[in-house]
Amino acid sequence: MAFDGVPRRTAGLGGVLVHPAHRGRGIARTVISVAVEHARAAGAETMILLCRPDLVPLYTQLGWSRLSVPVTFRQPDGERTSPLTTMIYDLADLPRPTAGVDLRGLPF
């Protein structure tokens, strides 16, 4: 991915689902924290996720922060801007993007 045009080693997180019967037990928190540690061990500098608005509070509690810059990605018919909230988790104390993020491919 590129943050303000500069390549960055980034890991994407998507599709964290917990069956309704098991919600409220900390399962999502555990899965997300394990994913963060795997990304860190793999050398990612930042994690990113495209988030539904109702899940923003959960990720915020876990240390993720909302981006306020456009996030673009590729589709078969051209480039698009993400309609979802984009959140990042910093793993390497790098600056936040100020102009935009380009996924440089299809969304994950």
Protein backbone atom coordinates (compact mmCIF):
# COMPACT_ATOMS: atom_id res chain seq x y z
CA MET A 1 0.00 0.00 0.00
CA ALA A 2 1.03 3.62 -0.27
CA PHE A 3 0.49 6.26 2.39
CA ASP A 4 0.78 9.76 0.90
CA GLY A 5 2.46 8.14 -2.11
CA VAL A 6 5.14 6.39 -0.06
CA PRO A 7 5.10 2.56 0.02
CA ARG A 8 4.43 1.04 3.41
CA ARG A 9 4.45 -2.58 4.56
CA THR A 10 0.84 -2.97 5.56
CA ALA A 11 -1.30 -5.86 6.75
CA GLY A 12 -5.04 -5.79 6.15
CA LEU A 13 -7.59 -7.06 8.62
CA GLY A 14 -11.04 -7.99 7.42
CA GLY A 15 -13.99 -10.21 8.13
CA VAL A 16 -13.69 -10.67 11.91
CA LEU A 17 -16.95 -12.43 12.68
CA VAL A 18 -18.21 -13.89 15.93
CA HIS A 19 -21.38 -15.97 16.02
CA PRO A 20 -24.13 -14.06 17.89
CA ALA A 21 -24.36 -16.80 20.52
CA HIS A 22 -20.70 -16.20 21.47
CA ARG A 23 -20.54 -12.40 21.42
CA GLY A 24 -19.57 -10.49 24.54
CA ARG A 25 -16.93 -13.01 25.61
CA GLY A 26 -13.88 -11.22 24.25
CA ILE A 27 -13.40 -13.56 21.29
CA ALA A 28 -13.11 -10.72 18.73
CA ARG A 29 -10.61 -8.91 20.95
CA THR A 30 -8.49 -12.05 21.20
CA VAL A 31 -8.60 -12.75 17.47
CA ILE A 32 -7.74 -9.14 16.61
CA SER A 33 -4.84 -9.00 19.09
CA VAL A 34 -3.41 -12.23 17.67
CA ALA A 35 -3.72 -10.82 14.13
CA VAL A 36 -1.87 -7.66 15.23
CA GLU A 37 0.97 -9.72 16.69
CA HIS A 38 1.20 -11.86 13.53
CA ALA A 39 1.37 -8.71 11.39
CA ARG A 40 4.09 -7.28 13.64
CA ALA A 41 6.10 -10.52 13.46
CA ALA A 42 5.75 -10.52 9.66
CA GLY A 43 7.28 -7.05 9.44
CA ALA A 44 4.18 -4.95 8.81
CA GLU A 45 4.55 -1.29 9.69
CA THR A 46 0.83 -0.53 9.82
CA MET A 47 -2.40 -2.49 9.90
CA ILE A 48 -5.47 -1.26 8.07
CA LEU A 49 -9.12 -2.24 8.01
CA LEU A 50 -12.22 -1.07 6.18
CA CYS A 51 -14.77 -0.84 8.96
CA ARG A 52 -18.54 -0.70 9.23
CA PRO A 53 -19.57 2.36 11.28
CA ASP A 54 -21.12 0.24 14.04
CA LEU A 55 -17.76 -1.45 14.72
CA VAL A 56 -15.70 1.74 15.02
CA PRO A 57 -16.11 1.88 18.84
CA LEU A 58 -14.80 -1.68 19.25
CA TYR A 59 -11.69 -1.04 17.17
CA THR A 60 -11.12 2.34 18.85
CA GLN A 61 -11.11 0.61 22.25
CA LEU A 62 -8.44 -1.76 20.90
CA GLY A 63 -6.09 1.06 19.88
CA TRP A 64 -7.10 1.54 16.25
CA SER A 65 -7.66 5.05 14.92
CA ARG A 66 -9.90 6.39 12.20
CA LEU A 67 -8.37 7.89 9.06
CA SER A 68 -9.79 11.10 7.69
CA VAL A 69 -8.07 10.92 4.28
CA PRO A 70 -9.46 9.25 1.14
CA VAL A 71 -8.61 5.57 0.66
CA THR A 72 -8.56 4.35 -2.93
CA PHE A 73 -8.59 0.83 -4.30
CA ARG A 74 -8.88 -0.88 -7.67
CA GLN A 75 -11.95 -2.51 -9.17
CA PRO A 76 -12.17 -4.24 -12.55
CA ASP A 77 -13.77 -1.09 -14.01
CA GLY A 78 -11.36 1.42 -12.43
CA GLU A 79 -10.26 3.12 -9.26
CA ARG A 80 -12.73 3.84 -6.45
CA THR A 81 -12.72 5.59 -3.10
CA SER A 82 -13.74 3.44 -0.14
CA PRO A 83 -17.20 4.24 1.20
CA LEU A 84 -16.36 2.57 4.53
CA THR A 85 -14.58 4.04 7.52
CA THR A 86 -10.89 3.20 7.33
CA MET A 87 -8.96 2.53 10.51
CA ILE A 88 -5.27 1.95 11.11
CA TYR A 89 -3.15 0.42 13.83
CA ASP A 90 0.40 1.75 13.93
CA LEU A 91 3.12 -0.85 14.47
CA ALA A 92 6.23 1.23 13.71
CA ASP A 93 5.59 4.78 14.95
CA LEU A 94 5.22 6.13 11.40
CA PRO A 95 3.39 9.35 10.56
CA ARG A 96 -0.31 9.24 9.78
CA PRO A 97 -1.18 9.93 6.17
CA THR A 98 -2.29 13.49 5.44
CA ALA A 99 -3.26 13.24 1.75
CA GLY A 100 -4.47 9.70 1.08
CA VAL A 101 -3.96 5.96 1.13
CA ASP A 102 -3.84 3.77 -1.97
CA LEU A 103 -4.43 0.06 -1.44
CA ARG A 104 -2.69 -0.51 -4.82
CA GLY A 105 -5.07 -3.29 -5.70
CA LEU A 106 -8.41 -4.83 -4.95
CA PRO A 107 -9.78 -4.42 -1.43
CA PHE A 108 -9.09 -7.36 0.88
